[in-house]
Amino acid sequence: MDEQPTLTPKEPNFWVRGLYMLLMGLAFQVAGAILCILAVTQFIFAIFSDAPNQRLTTFGGGLARYFQQLVEFLTFAREELPFPFNDWPS
């Protein structure tokens, strides 16, 4: 069984991670606003062209994976920082 090392509040890395968590929480809120805009735009495309926009669909898939990475980081399920500290999920 792979156990991840846990940080304790006495370690400096714990507080640095806390700052990153605040930043990633803000990124989560911004990504949520982008998701709303994307959904409305995609709906409008579907109304007028009878099909969703493929580029927006691809971006939406990446956004979904980004949300997953954010949630995993914020809940301590992963230690790797999401975008913008790493590549955008493809």
Protein backbone atom coordinates (compact mmCIF):
# COMPACT_ATOMS: atom_id res chain seq x y z
CA MET A 1 0.00 0.00 0.00
CA ASP A 2 1.45 3.38 -1.01
CA GLU A 3 1.22 5.87 1.80
CA GLN A 4 1.82 9.52 1.08
CA PRO A 5 3.89 11.41 3.61
CA THR A 6 1.69 13.72 5.65
CA LEU A 7 2.58 17.26 6.55
CA THR A 8 2.22 18.46 10.10
CA PRO A 9 1.30 22.03 11.10
CA LYS A 10 4.78 22.51 12.57
CA GLU A 11 6.50 22.07 9.19
CA PRO A 12 7.10 25.16 7.01
CA ASN A 13 5.86 23.21 3.95
CA PHE A 14 2.48 22.87 5.64
CA TRP A 15 1.99 26.64 5.68
CA VAL A 16 3.33 27.05 2.14
CA ARG A 17 0.81 24.44 1.04
CA GLY A 18 -1.87 26.43 2.83
CA LEU A 19 -0.99 29.49 0.76
CA TYR A 20 -1.12 27.40 -2.41
CA MET A 21 -4.51 26.07 -1.29
CA LEU A 22 -5.83 29.64 -0.98
CA LEU A 23 -4.52 30.40 -4.47
CA MET A 24 -6.01 27.20 -5.89
CA GLY A 25 -9.33 27.98 -4.16
CA LEU A 26 -9.35 31.30 -6.02
CA ALA A 27 -8.49 29.47 -9.24
CA PHE A 28 -11.46 27.15 -8.56
CA GLN A 29 -13.78 30.16 -8.33
CA VAL A 30 -12.41 31.68 -11.56
CA ALA A 31 -12.70 28.32 -13.33
CA GLY A 32 -16.31 28.09 -12.14
CA ALA A 33 -17.09 31.45 -13.74
CA ILE A 34 -15.39 30.30 -16.95
CA LEU A 35 -17.48 27.13 -16.84
CA CYS A 36 -20.69 29.18 -16.67
CA ILE A 37 -19.64 31.32 -19.62
CA LEU A 38 -18.59 28.21 -21.55
CA ALA A 39 -21.91 26.46 -20.90
CA VAL A 40 -23.98 29.44 -22.05
CA THR A 41 -21.80 29.96 -25.12
CA GLN A 42 -21.98 26.26 -26.00
CA PHE A 43 -25.76 26.33 -25.62
CA ILE A 44 -26.00 29.31 -27.98
CA PHE A 45 -23.80 27.51 -30.52
CA ALA A 46 -26.05 24.45 -30.27
CA ILE A 47 -29.17 26.55 -30.86
CA PHE A 48 -27.88 28.28 -33.98
CA SER A 49 -25.74 25.58 -35.57
CA ASP A 50 -27.57 22.45 -34.38
CA ALA A 51 -24.31 21.14 -32.90
CA PRO A 52 -21.92 22.15 -30.14
CA ASN A 53 -18.66 23.86 -31.04
CA GLN A 54 -15.90 21.24 -31.16
CA ARG A 55 -13.17 23.57 -29.87
CA LEU A 56 -15.30 24.54 -26.89
CA THR A 57 -16.07 20.86 -26.27
CA THR A 58 -12.35 20.08 -26.21
CA PHE A 59 -11.66 23.01 -23.90
CA GLY A 60 -14.54 21.88 -21.67
CA GLY A 61 -12.94 18.46 -21.32
CA GLY A 62 -9.67 20.07 -20.24
CA LEU A 63 -11.57 22.31 -17.83
CA ALA A 64 -13.25 19.25 -16.31
CA ARG A 65 -9.86 17.60 -15.73
CA TYR A 66 -8.58 20.89 -14.27
CA PHE A 67 -11.47 20.92 -11.79
CA GLN A 68 -10.54 17.37 -10.84
CA GLN A 69 -6.92 18.35 -10.25
CA LEU A 70 -7.97 21.37 -8.18
CA VAL A 71 -10.31 19.34 -6.01
CA GLU A 72 -7.72 16.61 -5.51
CA PHE A 73 -5.12 19.19 -4.47
CA LEU A 74 -7.50 21.04 -2.16
CA THR A 75 -8.57 17.82 -0.43
CA PHE A 76 -4.98 16.56 0.00
CA ALA A 77 -5.58 13.69 -2.45
CA ARG A 78 -2.58 14.87 -4.50
CA GLU A 79 0.49 16.96 -3.80
CA GLU A 80 1.23 18.06 -7.37
CA LEU A 81 0.14 21.63 -8.02
CA PRO A 82 -2.31 22.12 -10.90
CA PHE A 83 -2.10 24.72 -13.66
CA PRO A 84 -0.52 27.38 -13.74
CA PHE A 85 2.27 25.59 -11.87
CA ASN A 86 2.06 22.61 -14.24
CA ASP A 87 0.78 22.04 -17.76
CA TRP A 88 -2.87 22.50 -18.63
CA PRO A 89 -4.60 19.09 -18.60
CA SER A 90 -4.98 17.75 -22.11
